[in-house]
Amino acid sequence: MPDIVWEDPYCAESSNCFRVGTDAEDNAYIAVAGREDTYLTDTREALRALIQDIKAGKADHLL
């Protein structure tokens, strides 16, 4: 497993908490808090685009 530096968990209104992390090679990671051994990874740019699209409402149809 890469050496990931995790941010504090982000928890929404429910009990679903997520963590975002990065490594020394400029990769970004998302994991459910408490399950950091199972994560989604991509470049920081891809993670930034995902978050911006979610904030813009492009994933609202999934709710």
PDB file of N, CA and C in Angstrom:
ATOM      1  N   MET A   1       0.842  -1.180   0.000  1.00  0.00           N
ATOM      2  CA  MET A   1       0.000   0.000   0.000  1.00  0.00           C
ATOM      3  C   MET A   1       0.886   1.240   0.000  1.00  0.00           C
ATOM      4  N   PRO A   2       0.546   2.225  -0.829  1.00  0.00           N
ATOM      5  CA  PRO A   2       1.350   3.447  -0.861  1.00  0.00           C
ATOM      6  C   PRO A   2       1.268   4.200   0.464  1.00  0.00           C
ATOM      7  N   ASP A   3       2.224   5.089   0.678  1.00  0.00           N
ATOM      8  CA  ASP A   3       2.248   5.915   1.882  1.00  0.00           C
ATOM      9  C   ASP A   3       1.294   7.093   1.672  1.00  0.00           C
ATOM     10  N   ILE A   4       0.049   6.948   2.129  1.00  0.00           N
ATOM     11  CA  ILE A   4      -1.003   7.933   1.907  1.00  0.00           C
ATOM     12  C   ILE A   4      -1.133   8.818   3.147  1.00  0.00           C
ATOM     13  N   VAL A   5      -1.203  10.119   2.916  1.00  0.00           N
ATOM     14  CA  VAL A   5      -1.474  11.075   3.991  1.00  0.00           C
ATOM     15  C   VAL A   5      -2.952  11.418   3.894  1.00  0.00           C
ATOM     16  N   TRP A   6      -3.743  10.971   4.870  1.00  0.00           N
ATOM     17  CA  TRP A   6      -5.189  11.167   4.860  1.00  0.00           C
ATOM     18  C   TRP A   6      -5.572  12.462   5.562  1.00  0.00           C
ATOM     19  N   GLU A   7      -6.542  13.175   4.992  1.00  0.00           N
ATOM     20  CA  GLU A   7      -7.147  14.344   5.633  1.00  0.00           C
ATOM     21  C   GLU A   7      -8.139  13.849   6.687  1.00  0.00           C
ATOM     22  N   ASP A   8      -8.593  14.754   7.539  1.00  0.00           N
ATOM     23  CA  ASP A   8      -9.636  14.396   8.496  1.00  0.00           C
ATOM     24  C   ASP A   8     -10.882  13.965   7.737  1.00  0.00           C
ATOM     25  N   PRO A   9     -11.692  13.066   8.329  1.00  0.00           N
ATOM     26  CA  PRO A   9     -12.907  12.609   7.644  1.00  0.00           C
ATOM     27  C   PRO A   9     -13.879  13.756   7.381  1.00  0.00           C
ATOM     28  N   TYR A  10     -14.572  13.652   6.260  1.00  0.00           N
ATOM     29  CA  TYR A  10     -15.657  14.557   5.921  1.00  0.00           C
ATOM     30  C   TYR A  10     -16.949  13.764   6.109  1.00  0.00           C
ATOM     31  N   CYS A  11     -17.806  14.235   6.976  1.00  0.00           N
ATOM     32  CA  CYS A  11     -19.077  13.561   7.245  1.00  0.00           C
ATOM     33  C   CYS A  11     -20.223  14.486   6.874  1.00  0.00           C
ATOM     34  N   ALA A  12     -21.136  13.981   6.078  1.00  0.00           N
ATOM     35  CA  ALA A  12     -22.315  14.754   5.697  1.00  0.00           C
ATOM     36  C   ALA A  12     -23.368  14.622   6.788  1.00  0.00           C
ATOM     37  N   GLU A  13     -24.604  14.859   6.464  1.00  0.00           N
ATOM     38  CA  GLU A  13     -25.683  14.821   7.434  1.00  0.00           C
ATOM     39  C   GLU A  13     -25.921  13.430   8.000  1.00  0.00           C
ATOM     40  N   SER A  14     -25.623  12.425   7.245  1.00  0.00           N
ATOM     41  CA  SER A  14     -25.810  11.061   7.737  1.00  0.00           C
ATOM     42  C   SER A  14     -24.496  10.542   8.300  1.00  0.00           C
ATOM     43  N   SER A  15     -24.413   9.263   8.489  1.00  0.00           N
ATOM     44  CA  SER A  15     -23.202   8.693   9.087  1.00  0.00           C
ATOM     45  C   SER A  15     -22.155   8.300   8.051  1.00  0.00           C
ATOM     46  N   ASN A  16     -22.351   8.659   6.789  1.00  0.00           N
ATOM     47  CA  ASN A  16     -21.384   8.327   5.750  1.00  0.00           C
ATOM     48  C   ASN A  16     -20.227   9.314   5.794  1.00  0.00           C
ATOM     49  N   CYS A  17     -19.056   8.824   6.166  1.00  0.00           N
ATOM     50  CA  CYS A  17     -17.883   9.685   6.259  1.00  0.00           C
ATOM     51  C   CYS A  17     -16.830   9.222   5.248  1.00  0.00           C
ATOM     52  N   PHE A  18     -16.230  10.181   4.575  1.00  0.00           N
ATOM     53  CA  PHE A  18     -15.219   9.894   3.570  1.00  0.00           C
ATOM     54  C   PHE A  18     -13.923  10.603   3.928  1.00  0.00           C
ATOM     55  N   ARG A  19     -12.824  10.053   3.425  1.00  0.00           N
ATOM     56  CA  ARG A  19     -11.522  10.689   3.614  1.00  0.00           C
ATOM     57  C   ARG A  19     -10.853  10.847   2.259  1.00  0.00           C
ATOM     58  N   VAL A  20     -10.132  11.933   2.120  1.00  0.00           N
ATOM     59  CA  VAL A  20      -9.349  12.205   0.921  1.00  0.00           C
ATOM     60  C   VAL A  20      -7.891  12.207   1.342  1.00  0.00           C
ATOM     61  N   GLY A  21      -7.049  11.599   0.527  1.00  0.00           N
ATOM     62  CA  GLY A  21      -5.626  11.554   0.840  1.00  0.00           C
ATOM     63  C   GLY A  21      -4.781  11.743  -0.402  1.00  0.00           C
ATOM     64  N   THR A  22      -3.502  11.961  -0.191  1.00  0.00           N
ATOM     65  CA  THR A  22      -2.541  12.103  -1.282  1.00  0.00           C
ATOM     66  C   THR A  22      -1.272  11.346  -0.924  1.00  0.00           C
ATOM     67  N   ASP A  23      -0.468  11.074  -1.946  1.00  0.00           N
ATOM     68  CA  ASP A  23       0.831  10.451  -1.700  1.00  0.00           C
ATOM     69  C   ASP A  23       1.933  11.314  -2.310  1.00  0.00           C
ATOM     70  N   ALA A  24       3.162  10.889  -2.145  1.00  0.00           N
ATOM     71  CA  ALA A  24       4.310  11.667  -2.613  1.00  0.00           C
ATOM     72  C   ALA A  24       4.407  11.730  -4.137  1.00  0.00           C
ATOM     73  N   GLU A  25       3.704  10.835  -4.832  1.00  0.00           N
ATOM     74  CA  GLU A  25       3.749  10.811  -6.298  1.00  0.00           C
ATOM     75  C   GLU A  25       2.609  11.603  -6.927  1.00  0.00           C
ATOM     76  N   ASP A  26       1.944  12.424  -6.124  1.00  0.00           N
ATOM     77  CA  ASP A  26       0.873  13.311  -6.591  1.00  0.00           C
ATOM     78  C   ASP A  26      -0.391  12.569  -6.997  1.00  0.00           C
ATOM     79  N   ASN A  27      -0.633  11.400  -6.415  1.00  0.00           N
ATOM     80  CA  ASN A  27      -1.885  10.683  -6.624  1.00  0.00           C
ATOM     81  C   ASN A  27      -2.868  11.085  -5.540  1.00  0.00           C
ATOM     82  N   ALA A  28      -4.154  10.990  -5.847  1.00  0.00           N
ATOM     83  CA  ALA A  28      -5.203  11.314  -4.891  1.00  0.00           C
ATOM     84  C   ALA A  28      -6.004  10.046  -4.588  1.00  0.00           C
ATOM     85  N   TYR A  29      -6.557   9.989  -3.378  1.00  0.00           N
ATOM     86  CA  TYR A  29      -7.289   8.818  -2.910  1.00  0.00           C
ATOM     87  C   TYR A  29      -8.570   9.249  -2.218  1.00  0.00           C
ATOM     88  N   ILE A  30      -9.633   8.439  -2.366  1.00  0.00           N
ATOM     89  CA  ILE A  30     -10.875   8.623  -1.622  1.00  0.00           C
ATOM     90  C   ILE A  30     -11.204   7.279  -0.995  1.00  0.00           C
ATOM     91  N   ALA A  31     -11.602   7.309   0.286  1.00  0.00           N
ATOM     92  CA  ALA A  31     -11.981   6.082   0.978  1.00  0.00           C
ATOM     93  C   ALA A  31     -13.083   6.382   1.986  1.00  0.00           C
ATOM     94  N   VAL A  32     -13.838   5.371   2.330  1.00  0.00           N
ATOM     95  CA  VAL A  32     -14.795   5.484   3.419  1.00  0.00           C
ATOM     96  C   VAL A  32     -13.988   5.509   4.706  1.00  0.00           C
ATOM     97  N   ALA A  33     -14.310   6.422   5.610  1.00  0.00           N
ATOM     98  CA  ALA A  33     -13.583   6.510   6.878  1.00  0.00           C
ATOM     99  C   ALA A  33     -13.670   5.181   7.617  1.00  0.00           C
ATOM    100  N   GLY A  34     -12.532   4.725   8.070  1.00  0.00           N
ATOM    101  CA  GLY A  34     -12.439   3.433   8.750  1.00  0.00           C
ATOM    102  C   GLY A  34     -12.139   2.282   7.810  1.00  0.00           C
ATOM    103  N   ARG A  35     -12.207   2.517   6.516  1.00  0.00           N
ATOM    104  CA  ARG A  35     -11.931   1.493   5.500  1.00  0.00           C
ATOM    105  C   ARG A  35     -10.885   2.001   4.515  1.00  0.00           C
ATOM    106  N   GLU A  36      -9.857   2.647   5.040  1.00  0.00           N
ATOM    107  CA  GLU A  36      -8.850   3.273   4.182  1.00  0.00           C
ATOM    108  C   GLU A  36      -8.019   2.268   3.398  1.00  0.00           C
ATOM    109  N   ASP A  37      -8.106   0.978   3.741  1.00  0.00           N
ATOM    110  CA  ASP A  37      -7.373  -0.033   2.983  1.00  0.00           C
ATOM    111  C   ASP A  37      -8.067  -0.347   1.650  1.00  0.00           C
ATOM    112  N   THR A  38      -9.300   0.120   1.480  1.00  0.00           N
ATOM    113  CA  THR A  38     -10.044  -0.042   0.233  1.00  0.00           C
ATOM    114  C   THR A  38     -10.356   1.352  -0.287  1.00  0.00           C
ATOM    115  N   TYR A  39      -9.652   1.772  -1.319  1.00  0.00           N
ATOM    116  CA  TYR A  39      -9.769   3.154  -1.776  1.00  0.00           C
ATOM    117  C   TYR A  39      -9.885   3.229  -3.284  1.00  0.00           C
ATOM    118  N   LEU A  40     -10.328   4.383  -3.746  1.00  0.00           N
ATOM    119  CA  LEU A  40     -10.360   4.740  -5.149  1.00  0.00           C
ATOM    120  C   LEU A  40      -9.202   5.702  -5.368  1.00  0.00           C
ATOM    121  N   THR A  41      -8.449   5.524  -6.426  1.00  0.00           N
ATOM    122  CA  THR A  41      -7.302   6.398  -6.662  1.00  0.00           C
ATOM    123  C   THR A  41      -7.244   6.877  -8.107  1.00  0.00           C
ATOM    124  N   ASP A  42      -6.712   8.064  -8.279  1.00  0.00           N
ATOM    125  CA  ASP A  42      -6.486   8.656  -9.600  1.00  0.00           C
ATOM    126  C   ASP A  42      -5.546   9.843  -9.392  1.00  0.00           C
ATOM    127  N   THR A  43      -5.342  10.613 -10.419  1.00  0.00           N
ATOM    128  CA  THR A  43      -4.492  11.795 -10.282  1.00  0.00           C
ATOM    129  C   THR A  43      -5.234  12.877  -9.506  1.00  0.00           C
ATOM    130  N   ARG A  44      -4.493  13.835  -8.985  1.00  0.00           N
ATOM    131  CA  ARG A  44      -5.133  14.960  -8.287  1.00  0.00           C
ATOM    132  C   ARG A  44      -6.046  15.732  -9.233  1.00  0.00           C
ATOM    133  N   GLU A  45      -5.628  15.869 -10.489  1.00  0.00           N
ATOM    134  CA  GLU A  45      -6.443  16.591 -11.455  1.00  0.00           C
ATOM    135  C   GLU A  45      -7.781  15.895 -11.678  1.00  0.00           C
ATOM    136  N   ALA A  46      -7.766  14.576 -11.773  1.00  0.00           N
ATOM    137  CA  ALA A  46      -9.010  13.830 -11.964  1.00  0.00           C
ATOM    138  C   ALA A  46      -9.907  13.952 -10.738  1.00  0.00           C
ATOM    139  N   LEU A  47      -9.330  13.887  -9.549  1.00  0.00           N
ATOM    140  CA  LEU A  47     -10.113  14.048  -8.325  1.00  0.00           C
ATOM    141  C   LEU A  47     -10.704  15.456  -8.254  1.00  0.00           C
ATOM    142  N   ARG A  48      -9.914  16.454  -8.593  1.00  0.00           N
ATOM    143  CA  ARG A  48     -10.393  17.841  -8.586  1.00  0.00           C
ATOM    144  C   ARG A  48     -11.573  17.991  -9.548  1.00  0.00           C
ATOM    145  N   ALA A  49     -11.472  17.422 -10.750  1.00  0.00           N
ATOM    146  CA  ALA A  49     -12.560  17.509 -11.728  1.00  0.00           C
ATOM    147  C   ALA A  49     -13.809  16.792 -11.214  1.00  0.00           C
ATOM    148  N   LEU A  50     -13.644  15.645 -10.586  1.00  0.00           N
ATOM    149  CA  LEU A  50     -14.779  14.912 -10.024  1.00  0.00           C
ATOM    150  C   LEU A  50     -15.501  15.747  -8.972  1.00  0.00           C
ATOM    151  N   ILE A  51     -14.747  16.327  -8.048  1.00  0.00           N
ATOM    152  CA  ILE A  51     -15.346  17.128  -6.981  1.00  0.00           C
ATOM    153  C   ILE A  51     -16.038  18.359  -7.555  1.00  0.00           C
ATOM    154  N   GLN A  52     -15.410  19.029  -8.518  1.00  0.00           N
ATOM    155  CA  GLN A  52     -16.025  20.214  -9.129  1.00  0.00           C
ATOM    156  C   GLN A  52     -17.318  19.847  -9.845  1.00  0.00           C
ATOM    157  N   ASP A  53     -17.332  18.714 -10.545  1.00  0.00           N
ATOM    158  CA  ASP A  53     -18.551  18.282 -11.234  1.00  0.00           C
ATOM    159  C   ASP A  53     -19.658  17.934 -10.241  1.00  0.00           C
ATOM    160  N   ILE A  54     -19.314  17.276  -9.142  1.00  0.00           N
ATOM    161  CA  ILE A  54     -20.301  16.961  -8.122  1.00  0.00           C
ATOM    162  C   ILE A  54     -20.880  18.242  -7.530  1.00  0.00           C
ATOM    163  N   LYS A  55     -20.012  19.196  -7.215  1.00  0.00           N
ATOM    164  CA  LYS A  55     -20.490  20.479  -6.679  1.00  0.00           C
ATOM    165  C   LYS A  55     -21.366  21.215  -7.680  1.00  0.00           C
ATOM    166  N   ALA A  56     -21.107  21.045  -8.959  1.00  0.00           N
ATOM    167  CA  ALA A  56     -21.887  21.714 -10.006  1.00  0.00           C
ATOM    168  C   ALA A  56     -23.227  21.004 -10.267  1.00  0.00           C
ATOM    169  N   GLY A  57     -23.475  19.900  -9.589  1.00  0.00           N
ATOM    170  CA  GLY A  57     -24.742  19.199  -9.730  1.00  0.00           C
ATOM    171  C   GLY A  57     -24.783  18.146 -10.805  1.00  0.00           C
ATOM    172  N   LYS A  58     -23.648  17.827 -11.406  1.00  0.00           N
ATOM    173  CA  LYS A  58     -23.639  16.878 -12.510  1.00  0.00           C
ATOM    174  C   LYS A  58     -23.887  15.433 -12.066  1.00  0.00           C
ATOM    175  N   ALA A  59     -23.893  15.175 -10.764  1.00  0.00           N
ATOM    176  CA  ALA A  59     -24.163  13.822 -10.264  1.00  0.00           C
ATOM    177  C   ALA A  59     -25.499  13.756  -9.509  1.00  0.00           C
ATOM    178  N   ASP A  60     -26.266  14.836  -9.547  1.00  0.00           N
ATOM    179  CA  ASP A  60     -27.523  14.882  -8.802  1.00  0.00           C
ATOM    180  C   ASP A  60     -28.502  13.791  -9.240  1.00  0.00           C
ATOM    181  N   HIS A  61     -28.435  13.384 -10.458  1.00  0.00           N
ATOM    182  CA  HIS A  61     -29.334  12.335 -10.949  1.00  0.00           C
ATOM    183  C   HIS A  61     -29.072  10.983 -10.270  1.00  0.00           C
ATOM    184  N   LEU A  62     -27.945  10.849  -9.582  1.00  0.00           N
ATOM    185  CA  LEU A  62     -27.614   9.607  -8.892  1.00  0.00           C
ATOM    186  C   LEU A  62     -28.254   9.537  -7.498  1.00  0.00           C
ATOM    187  N   LEU A  63     -28.767  10.653  -7.029  1.00  0.00           N
ATOM    188  CA  LEU A  63     -29.358  10.702  -5.685  1.00  0.00           C
ATOM    189  C   LEU A  63     -30.744  10.132  -5.657  1.00  0.00           C
TER     190      LEU A  63
END
